[in-house]
Amino acid sequence: MNHDTTPALILGSPDAGGQTPVRAATPADAEAIVRMRSTYILSEPLSEEWIRRCTAELVPRLTAAGDARAFVIDAPDGSMAACALGLIHPVLPAPAYPKGLAPRVHAVATHPDFWRRGYARAVLTALVEQLHTEHVTLFELQ
């Protein structure tokens, strides 16, 4: 879990104070994101070996120069409450997406203790807004 000074993006959402603190993920969040994906998205959880392999793959991709973007919400105990991960890949350019880049929303997960609070919407909204500011206009959601 990353506890650096990365500023949180505050989105209006239904938590106790009416706001949800969403922050950009850093490489330090890679393992927690992988574990959220393994536990709450995949039909069969990853082994510890695959957790290590996926984390090692995701760490450099979450850097500023990498091709992954993610947003998270931290739980009060410091664990991860929710995350959204997008992976950017090249595609053939077209007038509507001249950069020839398309992000795929790879994972959106919320820990069950935090369901029905708008967390998935908050992290996914932050992810799509960030990708839009990077002028990525073709989106894939699977």
Protein backbone atom coordinates (compact mmCIF):
# COMPACT_ATOMS: atom_id res chain seq x y z
CA MET A 1 0.00 0.00 0.00
CA ASN A 2 1.31 3.44 -0.83
CA HIS A 3 1.13 6.11 1.84
CA ASP A 4 3.10 8.87 0.16
CA THR A 5 2.00 12.45 -0.23
CA THR A 6 0.22 11.95 -3.56
CA PRO A 7 -2.73 14.36 -3.43
CA ALA A 8 -6.14 12.75 -3.46
CA LEU A 9 -8.77 13.68 -5.99
CA ILE A 10 -11.95 14.27 -4.04
CA LEU A 11 -15.11 13.23 -5.82
CA GLY A 12 -18.62 13.74 -4.59
CA SER A 13 -19.73 10.31 -3.50
CA PRO A 14 -21.70 8.78 -0.68
CA ASP A 15 -19.31 8.20 2.20
CA ALA A 16 -19.86 9.58 5.70
CA GLY A 17 -18.69 13.07 4.71
CA GLY A 18 -20.22 13.10 1.24
CA GLN A 19 -16.79 12.83 -0.41
CA THR A 20 -14.64 9.95 -1.59
CA PRO A 21 -10.85 10.42 -1.57
CA VAL A 22 -9.58 8.92 -4.81
CA ARG A 23 -5.88 8.99 -5.55
CA ALA A 24 -3.68 7.97 -8.44
CA ALA A 25 -2.00 4.64 -7.83
CA THR A 26 1.77 4.41 -7.71
CA PRO A 27 4.08 1.43 -8.22
CA ALA A 28 3.83 0.80 -4.46
CA ASP A 29 0.13 -0.06 -4.99
CA ALA A 30 0.81 -2.76 -7.59
CA GLU A 31 0.57 -5.76 -5.27
CA ALA A 32 -2.67 -4.58 -3.67
CA ILE A 33 -4.20 -3.99 -7.11
CA VAL A 34 -3.12 -7.47 -8.23
CA ARG A 35 -4.59 -8.99 -5.07
CA MET A 36 -7.89 -7.13 -5.56
CA ARG A 37 -8.05 -8.44 -9.13
CA SER A 38 -7.21 -11.96 -7.99
CA THR A 39 -9.73 -12.02 -5.15
CA TYR A 40 -12.69 -10.12 -6.57
CA ILE A 41 -12.50 -10.40 -10.36
CA LEU A 42 -10.88 -13.62 -11.52
CA SER A 43 -12.92 -16.81 -11.47
CA GLU A 44 -10.01 -18.60 -9.81
CA PRO A 45 -7.66 -16.68 -7.48
CA LEU A 46 -4.00 -16.43 -8.43
CA SER A 47 -1.36 -18.43 -6.61
CA GLU A 48 1.29 -16.53 -4.64
CA GLU A 49 3.71 -17.20 -7.51
CA TRP A 50 1.33 -15.51 -9.96
CA ILE A 51 0.72 -12.66 -7.51
CA ARG A 52 4.49 -12.05 -7.49
CA ARG A 53 4.75 -12.33 -11.28
CA CYS A 54 1.84 -9.98 -11.95
CA THR A 55 3.10 -7.50 -9.36
CA ALA A 56 6.56 -7.48 -10.94
CA GLU A 57 4.92 -6.86 -14.33
CA LEU A 58 2.66 -4.06 -13.05
CA VAL A 59 5.21 -2.08 -10.98
CA PRO A 60 7.09 -0.49 -13.92
CA ARG A 61 3.87 -0.03 -15.87
CA LEU A 62 2.47 2.20 -13.09
CA THR A 63 5.33 4.70 -13.42
CA ALA A 64 4.84 7.99 -15.24
CA ALA A 65 6.50 6.51 -18.33
CA GLY A 66 4.52 3.27 -18.11
CA ASP A 67 1.41 2.21 -19.98
CA ALA A 68 -0.84 1.62 -16.96
CA ARG A 69 -3.00 4.08 -15.10
CA ALA A 70 -4.87 3.25 -11.92
CA PHE A 71 -6.85 4.99 -9.21
CA VAL A 72 -7.53 3.69 -5.74
CA ILE A 73 -9.43 4.43 -2.56
CA ASP A 74 -7.71 3.53 0.67
CA ALA A 75 -9.65 1.87 3.49
CA PRO A 76 -9.36 3.37 6.97
CA ASP A 77 -7.07 0.49 8.05
CA GLY A 78 -4.62 1.24 5.21
CA SER A 79 -5.70 -1.63 2.96
CA MET A 80 -7.26 -1.01 -0.43
CA ALA A 81 -11.02 -0.42 -0.53
CA ALA A 82 -11.36 -0.04 -4.32
CA CYS A 83 -9.31 0.23 -7.49
CA ALA A 84 -9.62 0.75 -11.23
CA LEU A 85 -6.78 -0.22 -13.57
CA GLY A 86 -6.43 0.73 -17.22
CA LEU A 87 -3.77 -0.54 -19.62
CA ILE A 88 -2.92 1.57 -22.67
CA HIS A 89 -1.95 -0.16 -25.89
CA PRO A 90 -1.22 0.94 -29.44
CA VAL A 91 -3.85 0.65 -32.15
CA LEU A 92 -3.94 1.89 -35.71
CA PRO A 93 -4.69 5.62 -35.61
CA ALA A 94 -7.80 7.18 -37.09
CA PRO A 95 -9.17 10.74 -37.16
CA ALA A 96 -11.09 10.16 -33.92
CA TYR A 97 -8.00 8.75 -32.13
CA PRO A 98 -4.95 10.21 -33.92
CA LYS A 99 -2.48 9.16 -31.23
CA GLY A 100 -3.23 5.52 -31.98
CA LEU A 101 -3.63 4.66 -28.32
CA ALA A 102 -6.48 2.75 -26.72
CA PRO A 103 -6.83 2.03 -23.02
CA ARG A 104 -8.56 -1.10 -21.86
CA VAL A 105 -10.22 -1.00 -18.48
CA HIS A 106 -8.54 -4.08 -17.11
CA ALA A 107 -9.89 -4.21 -13.56
CA VAL A 108 -12.44 -2.48 -11.36
CA ALA A 109 -12.84 -3.98 -7.91
CA THR A 110 -14.25 -3.02 -4.53
CA HIS A 111 -13.73 -4.91 -1.28
CA PRO A 112 -17.15 -6.22 -0.13
CA ASP A 113 -16.93 -4.20 3.11
CA PHE A 114 -17.16 -1.06 0.95
CA TRP A 115 -19.87 -2.05 -1.55
CA ARG A 116 -22.77 0.32 -2.27
CA ARG A 117 -20.79 3.48 -1.48
CA GLY A 118 -20.01 4.59 -5.03
CA TYR A 119 -16.34 3.59 -4.79
CA ALA A 120 -16.23 1.66 -8.07
CA ARG A 121 -17.85 4.57 -9.87
CA ALA A 122 -15.42 7.03 -8.24
CA VAL A 123 -12.24 5.15 -9.23
CA LEU A 124 -13.52 4.37 -12.73
CA THR A 125 -14.55 8.00 -13.27
CA ALA A 126 -11.10 9.21 -12.15
CA LEU A 127 -9.43 6.67 -14.48
CA VAL A 128 -11.49 7.68 -17.52
CA GLU A 129 -10.95 11.39 -16.79
CA GLN A 130 -7.19 10.88 -16.52
CA LEU A 131 -7.06 8.95 -19.77
CA HIS A 132 -9.13 11.64 -21.44
CA THR A 133 -6.66 14.34 -20.29
CA GLU A 134 -3.93 12.28 -21.93
CA HIS A 135 -5.90 12.59 -25.18
CA VAL A 136 -6.70 8.92 -25.38
CA THR A 137 -10.09 8.83 -27.07
CA LEU A 138 -10.75 5.20 -27.96
CA PHE A 139 -11.76 3.12 -24.92
CA GLU A 140 -12.21 -0.62 -24.52
CA LEU A 141 -14.16 -2.04 -21.59
CA GLN A 142 -14.27 -5.80 -21.18
